[in-house]
Structure formats: C-alpha cells, structure tokens
Amino acid sequence: MRAGEIDLHALIGGAGPPLLLLGGWPQYRYIWRNAMVPLARQFTVIVPDPRSLDISDKPDGGYDTGSMGRDLFDLMSGLGHERFEMVGYDRGMRTG
C-alpha cells in the first residue's frame, strides 16, 4: 500500500474502529499473530511492516521516528482513517 513515497506491506482485517499495531525494531507483522484475530472482533486491525522490514520498501534513508511516523500517518490516511487508535511497543511506540 502506498504511504507517501514508499510502499508498505500491511495486513488489514476485522470490523470496527481502526486500530494500528506497530511492533519494535526489527519486528514486523508476524509479532502480532496471536493478537490480530481477537482484536479484529472489535476493531479494523491494520498491521504494517515498517520501511525496510520484510516486503515493505527499503529506501536508503528515513529511518528516524519522524519519517517512520509520517509513513504510518500516510498509510492510515490513504486507507481513509484520519483518526485511529494505536498499540505499540519499543520503537513502535516511539514512532507512534
């Protein structure tokens, strides 16, 4: 999915208010495998792979929390979610 100038891979499922899940560095969507299905019962769960992880784009720069935060805002905005909840830890929380 397009997020500004890069493509981010993301899993999306469920129904309800949007909930962004973002793990720590260098973890990707797989870390949320046990939480996604239960959360998807009440939320539209969006679980992206941040830049450079797994099959998301791997640009030369932009690995600061501000750039990565913009990636996620662009992703959520592109999906039609101007407001959303977020759960994160480690670098995922600092990025959020």
Protein backbone atom coordinates (compact mmCIF):
# COMPACT_ATOMS: atom_id res chain seq x y z
CA MET A 1 0.00 0.00 0.00
CA ARG A 2 1.27 3.43 -0.85
CA ALA A 3 2.43 5.52 2.12
CA GLY A 4 3.78 8.81 0.87
CA GLU A 5 6.75 8.00 -1.36
CA ILE A 6 7.13 4.35 -0.35
CA ASP A 7 5.08 1.16 -0.33
CA LEU A 8 4.36 -0.55 2.98
CA HIS A 9 3.04 -4.07 3.27
CA ALA A 10 0.15 -4.33 5.74
CA LEU A 11 -2.40 -6.87 6.90
CA ILE A 12 -5.90 -5.49 7.41
CA GLY A 13 -8.86 -7.29 8.87
CA GLY A 14 -11.85 -7.08 11.12
CA ALA A 15 -14.60 -4.54 11.55
CA GLY A 16 -14.97 -1.56 13.80
CA PRO A 17 -12.85 1.46 14.68
CA PRO A 18 -9.35 1.44 13.14
CA LEU A 19 -6.51 0.11 15.30
CA LEU A 20 -2.89 0.36 14.17
CA LEU A 21 -0.49 -2.23 15.61
CA LEU A 22 3.22 -1.45 15.46
CA GLY A 23 5.94 -3.57 16.99
CA GLY A 24 9.52 -2.94 17.97
CA TRP A 25 12.60 -2.89 15.80
CA PRO A 26 13.28 -5.09 13.83
CA GLN A 27 9.98 -6.92 14.20
CA TYR A 28 7.27 -6.97 11.58
CA ARG A 29 3.62 -8.05 11.34
CA TYR A 30 4.32 -11.64 12.47
CA ILE A 31 4.89 -10.48 16.05
CA TRP A 32 1.14 -9.66 16.29
CA ARG A 33 -0.08 -13.06 15.05
CA ASN A 34 -1.66 -14.05 18.39
CA ALA A 35 -3.35 -10.69 18.96
CA MET A 36 -4.73 -9.91 15.49
CA VAL A 37 -7.69 -12.29 15.41
CA PRO A 38 -9.07 -11.45 18.88
CA LEU A 39 -8.64 -7.71 18.25
CA ALA A 40 -10.29 -7.98 14.82
CA ARG A 41 -13.53 -8.97 16.56
CA GLN A 42 -13.92 -5.35 17.75
CA PHE A 43 -11.60 -3.31 15.51
CA THR A 44 -10.43 -2.92 11.96
CA VAL A 45 -6.86 -4.02 12.63
CA ILE A 46 -4.05 -2.60 10.48
CA VAL A 47 -0.66 -4.26 10.94
CA PRO A 48 2.06 -2.75 8.72
CA ASP A 49 5.63 -3.78 8.12
CA PRO A 50 7.58 -0.54 8.62
CA ARG A 51 10.04 0.63 5.99
CA SER A 52 12.88 -1.85 5.44
CA LEU A 53 11.13 -4.79 7.12
CA ASP A 54 10.04 -7.91 5.25
CA ILE A 55 8.49 -6.89 1.90
CA SER A 56 7.98 -3.16 2.56
CA ASP A 57 10.18 -0.75 0.58
CA LYS A 58 13.76 -0.33 1.70
CA PRO A 59 14.81 3.25 0.91
CA ASP A 60 18.33 4.50 1.66
CA GLY A 61 17.19 6.85 4.43
CA GLY A 62 14.26 7.97 6.55
CA TYR A 63 14.72 5.63 9.50
CA ASP A 64 14.16 8.30 12.13
CA THR A 65 10.94 8.19 14.14
CA GLY A 66 9.55 11.30 12.41
CA SER A 67 9.88 9.83 8.92
CA MET A 68 8.53 6.48 10.00
CA GLY A 69 5.64 8.19 11.79
CA ARG A 70 4.78 10.06 8.58
CA ASP A 71 4.81 6.74 6.72
CA LEU A 72 2.21 5.38 9.10
CA PHE A 73 0.07 8.51 9.03
CA ASP A 74 0.19 8.44 5.20
CA LEU A 75 -0.78 4.76 5.24
CA MET A 76 -3.72 5.31 7.58
CA SER A 77 -4.83 8.44 5.74
CA GLY A 78 -4.66 6.56 2.42
CA LEU A 79 -6.94 3.92 3.94
CA GLY A 80 -9.42 6.64 4.90
CA HIS A 81 -8.57 6.78 8.61
CA GLU A 82 -7.81 10.32 9.74
CA ARG A 83 -8.31 9.29 13.39
CA PHE A 84 -7.31 5.91 14.81
CA GLU A 85 -6.08 4.15 17.91
CA MET A 86 -2.60 2.66 18.11
CA VAL A 87 -0.92 -0.06 20.13
CA GLY A 88 2.84 -0.30 20.01
CA TYR A 89 5.94 -1.06 21.99
CA ASP A 90 9.66 -0.39 21.79
CA ARG A 91 10.44 1.62 18.63
CA GLY A 92 6.83 1.21 17.53
CA MET A 93 5.67 3.29 20.48
CA ARG A 94 8.33 5.96 19.95
CA THR A 95 7.33 6.15 16.29
CA GLY A 96 3.67 6.45 17.25
